[in-house]
Amino acid sequence: MHTLLRWPAVCSWCLLAGVVGCAPEGGDAAPLDGQPAEPQPGDAGPMDGRTNDAQAAAPDGAAPDLGAGPDAAPEAPPPAPGDRPVLGFPVHPDDRDDISSALMFGVDRDGRDNGRTACEAYDGDPFPACYGGHDGSDFVLRGGFRAMDAGSARVIAASGGEVILTDDGHYDRCHGDVQSQDVSCDGEPMVANKVYVRHANGWITHYLHLKRGSVAVREGDWVDCGAVLGLIGSSGYSTLPHLHLEVRDPQGRVVDPYAVDARDSLWGTPETATDVRPGNGCDPAWGPARE
């Protein structure tokens, strides 16, 4: 389980004002402008329409077996109850120990553009529990690039639905650069490998910074809660291997899955009635969200 970052002694990427990834200038996290959540051309750098049948082989070590792809489109489920999804933890249960319990950057909920270190997390905590303009929840891979090269951790769908966007094949060793005080992709294009899934009632989840060659689904696939989408990497505007999970409502607005109490949290099956941290379960009625 995870708590938001409480500023342990961490490595030099913290000099980059706490950036882990998905800063607005990186192009992967759309601003809070209320625009529809449908992916836009160029929203994360050049998109060449490639599919995933022949993705580049995963570099620097073999990825674990991701299992079979999703089945053909299922029958439409009954309408989802309520107007808010119930989400499961977006990392495979067997890989949960590979996610740091000390480092977790949350959504910036203050709504102001007043600097990278000016923010407010779900419980009112300031930087470094969040950072300015951050639109998602970051789950950091314990062991960094060494763990990524050894196989990494599997990213799974937090709820079922239709895959509406994938992108793969981009450089996945982007990192913080102390000299420039910014992110460096070593001269490669700064584009995240990613998957977007649309759920019932128009909700969408984004899974960003995936490892190159690991995306395991295609646009148009229907996936159940817990389906493997790819592996954690460090592609795009990212300082170290991590998953950026972003949740958007039917109006395209960012929604923080964490909350001040369990009644407002989007996470399913918490450990206790007042726990706002993610559990293993999600509501199957929220996907696949077939229209």
Foldseek 3Di string as FASTA:
>chain_A
DADFAPDDDDDDLVLLVLDFFDAVVLQQDPFQPLAFQQDDAQSFHHDDPDWQPPFDAFPQAHADDQDAFFDADDDAFPADPDQAWAFFDFFFPVCVVQWDRNHKAFAFDPNDQDAFQAGQHQQRDGPPSYTPRDQFMKTAGPPWPVCVSHHATFTWGRFWAFWADFDAHFQFAWAQDNVVSFIDSPPTRQGWTWIKGAWGPQKIKIKTSFGHSFQRDTGGGTDGGGRTGGGFTHGHRGHTTIITIWIAHRSRGTDTQFHQFQVSHSAPDDPDRGDNDHHGDIDNSTPRHDD
